[in-house]
């Protein structure tokens, strides 16, 4: 794992049911630092970055996003409280393949990239196939997040009259399921199958910006990736920029093939539908506007570089 963010993050790690825990379930990763975690054959689970973490006077450890509820640096079997961007793995699964994805089904808190490395990735053409490629979400979605999905931080400064602390910048973006809890967004109840649970204007906001990431529960066809067992994986938090604002990993993001958006070396972005595909009933026009603002902001950043 590498932290390219302009601040410390605290990775959390959760092993799946029936899977042996890793050597660590949480640690601090300073700006610019890297750390290696060894996962055994057959391991499955998820990893994420906690942000805005601190310890209070009693020693209780909590985080603004991705908190795992343990009250400590180690998550000790706790999962990420949504919203949080997740990297999910099943190693040496069906057919001797690794399966991995980056999921925004539980919402988003920061950009994340998973890049296959080592012999397994090199041999992708014969063993891993075309799905042994980098996946993730390269874009900072927090500022462009629709208003009803935003999670704002507290400034810690009391408002007028000494009341509640004022609202600060957006620190995460909820999923529609988390925000509204309705079956149509959560793919539950009568909407609990791929044929009944379809993309919403909210999930399309995430998908338009991050085409390879899971945007809702049944987003498998464009969001699950496979490599030969034995492949190593580089997980990068805030992959496209460091404190200088320059793109640092031009080879990590490869061109996409679903005609939605293209990332080519972190320098080229385009949308086949110009964000207009999000304009529909139930607030779609508002979300389309957010998507357009997001694409414009990123395009301007690229031009400045």
Protein backbone atom coordinates (compact mmCIF):
# COMPACT_ATOMS: atom_id res chain seq x y z
CA UNK A 1 0.00 0.00 0.00
CA UNK A 2 1.18 3.50 -0.82
CA UNK A 3 -0.24 6.76 0.48
CA UNK A 4 -0.09 9.52 -2.14
CA UNK A 5 -2.59 11.67 -0.24
CA UNK A 6 -1.52 14.98 1.25
CA UNK A 7 -2.19 13.64 4.76
CA UNK A 8 -1.87 10.50 6.85
CA UNK A 9 -4.35 7.68 6.27
CA UNK A 10 -5.00 4.69 8.51
CA UNK A 11 -5.59 1.53 6.45
CA UNK A 12 -8.10 -0.95 7.83
CA UNK A 13 -8.09 -4.66 6.91
CA UNK A 14 -10.91 -7.15 7.38
CA UNK A 15 -10.67 -10.88 6.62
CA UNK A 16 -13.72 -12.65 5.26
CA UNK A 17 -15.63 -15.31 7.17
CA UNK A 18 -13.60 -18.49 7.50
CA UNK A 19 -10.41 -16.73 6.42
CA UNK A 20 -7.42 -16.41 8.73
CA UNK A 21 -6.75 -12.84 9.88
CA UNK A 22 -3.76 -11.00 8.48
CA UNK A 23 -0.75 -9.96 10.56
CA UNK A 24 -2.33 -6.55 11.07
CA UNK A 25 -5.88 -5.22 10.94
CA UNK A 26 -4.97 -1.52 11.00
CA UNK A 27 -2.03 0.86 11.04
CA UNK A 28 -1.00 4.44 10.25
CA UNK A 29 0.42 5.23 6.82
CA UNK A 30 2.05 8.66 6.63
CA UNK A 31 1.96 10.89 3.57
CA UNK A 32 4.28 9.40 0.93
CA UNK A 33 4.87 6.18 2.90
CA UNK A 34 4.42 2.58 1.76
CA UNK A 35 3.84 -0.68 3.63
CA UNK A 36 3.57 -4.32 2.60
CA UNK A 37 1.04 -6.79 3.99
CA UNK A 38 1.41 -10.49 3.18
CA UNK A 39 -1.85 -12.34 2.49
CA UNK A 40 -1.86 -16.17 2.44
CA UNK A 41 -3.16 -18.30 -0.41
CA UNK A 42 -6.94 -18.53 -0.25
CA UNK A 43 -7.34 -15.29 1.69
CA UNK A 44 -10.38 -13.12 1.08
CA UNK A 45 -11.34 -9.81 2.56
CA UNK A 46 -11.29 -6.07 2.12
CA UNK A 47 -8.99 -3.12 2.72
CA UNK A 48 -9.72 0.59 2.94
CA UNK A 49 -8.28 3.89 4.19
CA UNK A 50 -9.56 5.58 7.32
CA UNK A 51 -9.21 9.36 7.42
CA UNK A 52 -9.34 12.16 10.00
CA UNK A 53 -8.39 9.81 12.83
CA UNK A 54 -7.45 10.83 16.36
CA UNK A 55 -7.20 9.58 19.91
CA UNK A 56 -9.13 11.25 22.71
CA UNK A 57 -7.98 11.84 26.29
CA UNK A 58 -9.07 8.34 27.29
CA UNK A 59 -7.09 6.71 24.49
CA UNK A 60 -10.12 5.90 22.34
CA UNK A 61 -9.21 5.92 18.65
CA UNK A 62 -11.84 7.10 16.14
CA UNK A 63 -11.86 8.21 12.52
CA UNK A 64 -13.96 10.67 10.56
CA UNK A 65 -14.40 8.20 7.66
CA UNK A 66 -13.98 4.43 7.42
CA UNK A 67 -14.04 3.98 11.20
CA UNK A 68 -14.12 0.30 12.16
CA UNK A 69 -15.64 0.75 15.60
CA UNK A 70 -12.85 -0.94 17.56
CA UNK A 71 -11.81 2.20 19.41
CA UNK A 72 -8.22 1.29 18.59
CA UNK A 73 -5.67 1.54 15.80
CA UNK A 74 -6.20 -2.16 15.02
CA UNK A 75 -9.68 -2.88 13.64
CA UNK A 76 -9.76 -6.31 15.34
CA UNK A 77 -12.46 -7.77 13.10
CA UNK A 78 -14.43 -4.58 12.57
CA UNK A 79 -15.43 -3.41 9.10
CA UNK A 80 -15.51 0.06 7.61
CA UNK A 81 -18.42 2.26 8.57
CA UNK A 82 -19.87 3.66 5.34
CA UNK A 83 -19.19 5.67 3.35
CA UNK A 84 -15.78 4.25 2.42
CA UNK A 85 -13.98 3.23 -0.78
CA UNK A 86 -13.13 -0.49 -0.55
CA UNK A 87 -10.58 -2.78 -2.19
CA UNK A 88 -11.92 -6.36 -2.13
CA UNK A 89 -9.98 -9.57 -2.82
CA UNK A 90 -10.45 -13.32 -3.10
CA UNK A 91 -7.06 -14.94 -3.66
CA UNK A 92 -6.65 -18.30 -5.41
CA UNK A 93 -10.40 -18.69 -5.84
CA UNK A 94 -12.39 -20.48 -8.52
CA UNK A 95 -10.19 -21.91 -11.28
CA UNK A 96 -7.01 -20.89 -9.47
CA UNK A 97 -7.70 -17.22 -10.12
CA UNK A 98 -7.57 -14.11 -7.95
CA UNK A 99 -10.69 -11.96 -8.00
CA UNK A 100 -10.51 -8.29 -7.03
CA UNK A 101 -12.45 -5.05 -7.30
CA UNK A 102 -12.76 -1.53 -5.96
CA UNK A 103 -16.23 -0.94 -4.59
CA UNK A 104 -18.19 2.27 -4.04
CA UNK A 105 -21.32 0.32 -3.11
CA UNK A 106 -20.82 1.49 0.48
CA UNK A 107 -20.01 5.01 -0.67
CA UNK A 108 -16.74 6.85 -1.21
CA UNK A 109 -14.18 8.59 0.97
CA UNK A 110 -11.04 8.91 -1.18
CA UNK A 111 -9.53 7.86 -4.53
CA UNK A 112 -8.01 4.37 -4.68
CA UNK A 113 -6.22 2.31 -7.32
CA UNK A 114 -5.41 -1.44 -7.32
CA UNK A 115 -2.69 -2.44 -9.79
CA UNK A 116 -1.64 -6.08 -10.45
CA UNK A 117 2.11 -6.61 -10.27
CA UNK A 118 4.64 -9.41 -10.57
CA UNK A 119 4.71 -12.59 -12.65
CA UNK A 120 0.95 -13.08 -12.54
CA UNK A 121 0.33 -9.68 -14.08
CA UNK A 122 3.06 -10.11 -16.69
CA UNK A 123 1.52 -13.42 -17.80
CA UNK A 124 -1.98 -11.94 -18.00
CA UNK A 125 -2.32 -12.49 -21.72
CA UNK A 126 -2.11 -16.27 -21.31
CA UNK A 127 -3.37 -16.85 -17.77
CA UNK A 128 -5.17 -13.83 -16.34
CA UNK A 129 -6.74 -12.65 -19.56
CA UNK A 130 -7.80 -9.10 -20.38
CA UNK A 131 -9.37 -8.68 -16.93
CA UNK A 132 -5.96 -8.68 -15.19
CA UNK A 133 -5.69 -4.89 -15.26
CA UNK A 134 -5.72 -1.95 -12.88
CA UNK A 135 -9.03 -0.89 -11.37
CA UNK A 136 -10.17 1.82 -9.03
CA UNK A 137 -11.45 5.35 -8.76
CA UNK A 138 -8.95 8.08 -9.65
CA UNK A 139 -11.20 11.09 -9.11
CA UNK A 140 -11.88 13.06 -5.94
CA UNK A 141 -15.68 12.86 -5.80
CA UNK A 142 -16.24 14.63 -2.49
CA UNK A 143 -16.63 18.16 -3.84
CA UNK A 144 -18.86 17.01 -6.72
CA UNK A 145 -20.96 14.72 -4.51
CA UNK A 146 -24.72 15.39 -4.78
CA UNK A 147 -25.93 17.44 -1.82
CA UNK A 148 -28.14 14.71 -0.39
CA UNK A 149 -25.22 12.24 -0.35
CA UNK A 150 -22.56 14.52 1.16
CA UNK A 151 -21.00 13.85 4.55
CA UNK A 152 -19.44 17.04 5.89
CA UNK A 153 -16.75 17.31 8.53
CA UNK A 154 -17.03 19.54 11.55
CA UNK A 155 -14.74 22.55 11.80
CA UNK A 156 -14.66 22.21 15.58
CA UNK A 157 -15.59 25.90 15.80
CA UNK A 158 -18.91 26.68 17.45
CA UNK A 159 -21.47 28.55 15.43
CA UNK A 160 -23.18 31.78 16.36
CA UNK A 161 -24.29 31.81 19.97
CA UNK A 162 -21.92 29.02 20.92
CA UNK A 163 -24.06 26.29 19.38
CA UNK A 164 -23.12 23.28 17.28
CA UNK A 165 -19.77 23.38 15.50
CA UNK A 166 -19.93 24.78 11.98
CA UNK A 167 -20.03 22.43 9.00
CA UNK A 168 -16.68 21.96 7.26
CA UNK A 169 -15.62 20.51 3.90
CA UNK A 170 -17.14 17.33 2.49
CA UNK A 171 -15.14 14.33 3.75
CA UNK A 172 -17.14 11.52 2.12
CA UNK A 173 -19.99 10.73 -0.27
CA UNK A 174 -22.73 8.29 0.74
CA UNK A 175 -24.31 5.67 -1.46
CA UNK A 176 -28.01 6.11 -2.17
CA UNK A 177 -28.65 2.99 -0.08
CA UNK A 178 -26.92 4.53 2.93
CA UNK A 179 -28.60 7.90 2.41
CA UNK A 180 -32.18 6.74 1.84
CA UNK A 181 -32.33 3.07 2.89
CA UNK A 182 -34.92 2.15 0.26
CA UNK A 183 -34.94 -1.36 -1.29
CA UNK A 184 -34.58 -0.02 -4.84
CA UNK A 185 -31.24 1.55 -3.91
CA UNK A 186 -30.12 -1.25 -1.56
CA UNK A 187 -31.02 -4.10 -3.97
CA UNK A 188 -33.08 -5.76 -1.25
CA UNK A 189 -36.60 -7.16 -0.94
CA UNK A 190 -38.44 -7.04 -4.25
CA UNK A 191 -35.31 -5.48 -5.78
CA UNK A 192 -32.98 -8.26 -4.62
CA UNK A 193 -31.94 -9.63 -8.01
CA UNK A 194 -29.98 -8.38 -11.03
CA UNK A 195 -33.18 -8.22 -13.09
CA UNK A 196 -35.03 -6.01 -10.61
CA UNK A 197 -32.23 -3.88 -9.15
CA UNK A 198 -31.01 -1.55 -11.86
CA UNK A 199 -28.57 1.39 -11.86
CA UNK A 200 -30.02 4.57 -10.39
CA UNK A 201 -29.14 8.16 -11.22
CA UNK A 202 -27.13 8.15 -7.99
CA UNK A 203 -25.12 5.02 -8.83
CA UNK A 204 -24.54 6.42 -12.31
CA UNK A 205 -22.91 9.47 -10.73
CA UNK A 206 -20.25 7.13 -9.30
CA UNK A 207 -20.05 4.98 -12.44
CA UNK A 208 -19.61 7.90 -14.79
CA UNK A 209 -16.65 9.18 -12.79
CA UNK A 210 -15.17 5.77 -11.93
CA UNK A 211 -16.19 3.29 -14.67
CA UNK A 212 -14.25 0.30 -13.33
CA UNK A 213 -15.46 0.56 -9.74
CA UNK A 214 -18.60 -1.11 -8.39
CA UNK A 215 -21.34 1.50 -8.22
CA UNK A 216 -24.20 -0.74 -7.02
CA UNK A 217 -24.60 -4.35 -5.89
CA UNK A 218 -25.07 -5.98 -9.32
CA UNK A 219 -22.40 -4.05 -11.19
CA UNK A 220 -20.32 -7.22 -11.73
CA UNK A 221 -19.75 -7.26 -15.49
CA UNK A 222 -17.65 -4.08 -15.62
CA UNK A 223 -16.24 -4.13 -12.09
CA UNK A 224 -14.79 -7.57 -11.20
CA UNK A 225 -11.23 -8.31 -12.33
CA UNK A 226 -9.16 -11.49 -12.32
CA UNK A 227 -5.50 -12.45 -12.36
CA UNK A 228 -3.62 -15.71 -12.00
CA UNK A 229 -3.07 -16.78 -8.39
CA UNK A 230 0.27 -15.57 -7.07
CA UNK A 231 -0.10 -12.04 -8.43
CA UNK A 232 0.92 -9.17 -6.16
CA UNK A 233 -1.21 -6.04 -5.88
CA UNK A 234 -0.24 -2.42 -5.34
CA UNK A 235 -2.95 -0.44 -3.56
CA UNK A 236 -2.50 3.31 -3.91
CA UNK A 237 -4.53 5.84 -1.97
CA UNK A 238 -4.97 9.16 -3.86
CA UNK A 239 -3.20 7.66 -6.89
CA UNK A 240 -3.15 10.52 -9.38
CA UNK A 241 -1.58 13.33 -7.42
CA UNK A 242 0.83 14.00 -4.60
CA UNK A 243 1.40 17.20 -2.65
CA UNK A 244 2.89 18.90 -5.72
CA UNK A 245 -0.34 18.30 -7.61
CA UNK A 246 1.48 16.40 -10.36
CA UNK A 247 0.37 13.04 -11.70
CA UNK A 248 2.78 10.45 -10.33
CA UNK A 249 1.79 7.12 -11.87
CA UNK A 250 1.17 7.55 -15.60
CA UNK A 251 1.15 3.81 -16.30
CA UNK A 252 -1.17 2.70 -13.53
CA UNK A 253 -4.49 3.59 -15.13
CA UNK A 254 -5.06 1.95 -18.48
CA UNK A 255 -7.63 2.98 -21.13
CA UNK A 256 -11.12 1.75 -20.43
CA UNK A 257 -13.23 -0.09 -22.95
CA UNK A 258 -16.83 0.54 -21.96
CA UNK A 259 -17.15 3.85 -23.84
CA UNK A 260 -18.01 5.70 -20.67
CA UNK A 261 -14.81 7.42 -19.67
CA UNK A 262 -11.17 7.05 -20.62
CA UNK A 263 -8.20 7.52 -18.31
CA UNK A 264 -4.97 7.39 -20.29
CA UNK A 265 -1.93 7.85 -18.09
CA UNK A 266 -3.94 10.10 -15.80
CA UNK A 267 -3.83 12.84 -18.41
CA UNK A 268 -6.79 12.21 -20.72
CA UNK A 269 -10.41 12.11 -19.71
CA UNK A 270 -13.50 11.98 -21.86
CA UNK A 271 -17.14 11.04 -21.46
CA UNK A 272 -19.01 9.45 -24.32
CA UNK A 273 -22.25 11.03 -23.20
CA UNK A 274 -20.89 14.21 -21.71
CA UNK A 275 -22.58 13.38 -18.40
CA UNK A 276 -26.00 13.76 -20.03
CA UNK A 277 -26.83 10.09 -19.47
CA UNK A 278 -27.48 10.99 -15.83
CA UNK A 279 -30.23 13.41 -16.72
CA UNK A 280 -33.54 11.69 -15.99
CA UNK A 281 -36.43 11.69 -13.57
CA UNK A 282 -35.97 11.68 -9.78
CA UNK A 283 -33.31 14.35 -9.64
CA UNK A 284 -31.19 13.04 -12.49
CA UNK A 285 -30.68 16.53 -13.89
CA UNK A 286 -29.14 17.65 -10.61
CA UNK A 287 -26.78 14.68 -10.57
CA UNK A 288 -25.89 15.29 -14.21
CA UNK A 289 -24.89 18.80 -13.26
CA UNK A 290 -22.64 17.45 -10.50
CA UNK A 291 -21.05 15.01 -12.95
CA UNK A 292 -20.45 17.79 -15.47
CA UNK A 293 -18.86 19.94 -12.77
CA UNK A 294 -16.64 17.03 -11.79
CA UNK A 295 -15.47 16.39 -15.36
CA UNK A 296 -14.84 20.10 -15.90
CA UNK A 297 -12.82 20.40 -12.70
CA UNK A 298 -10.64 17.43 -13.57
CA UNK A 299 -10.18 18.65 -17.15
CA UNK A 300 -9.05 22.05 -15.88
CA UNK A 301 -6.59 20.37 -13.50
CA UNK A 302 -5.15 18.35 -16.37
CA UNK A 303 -4.76 21.44 -18.55
CA UNK A 304 -2.97 23.24 -15.72
CA UNK A 305 -0.53 20.35 -15.45
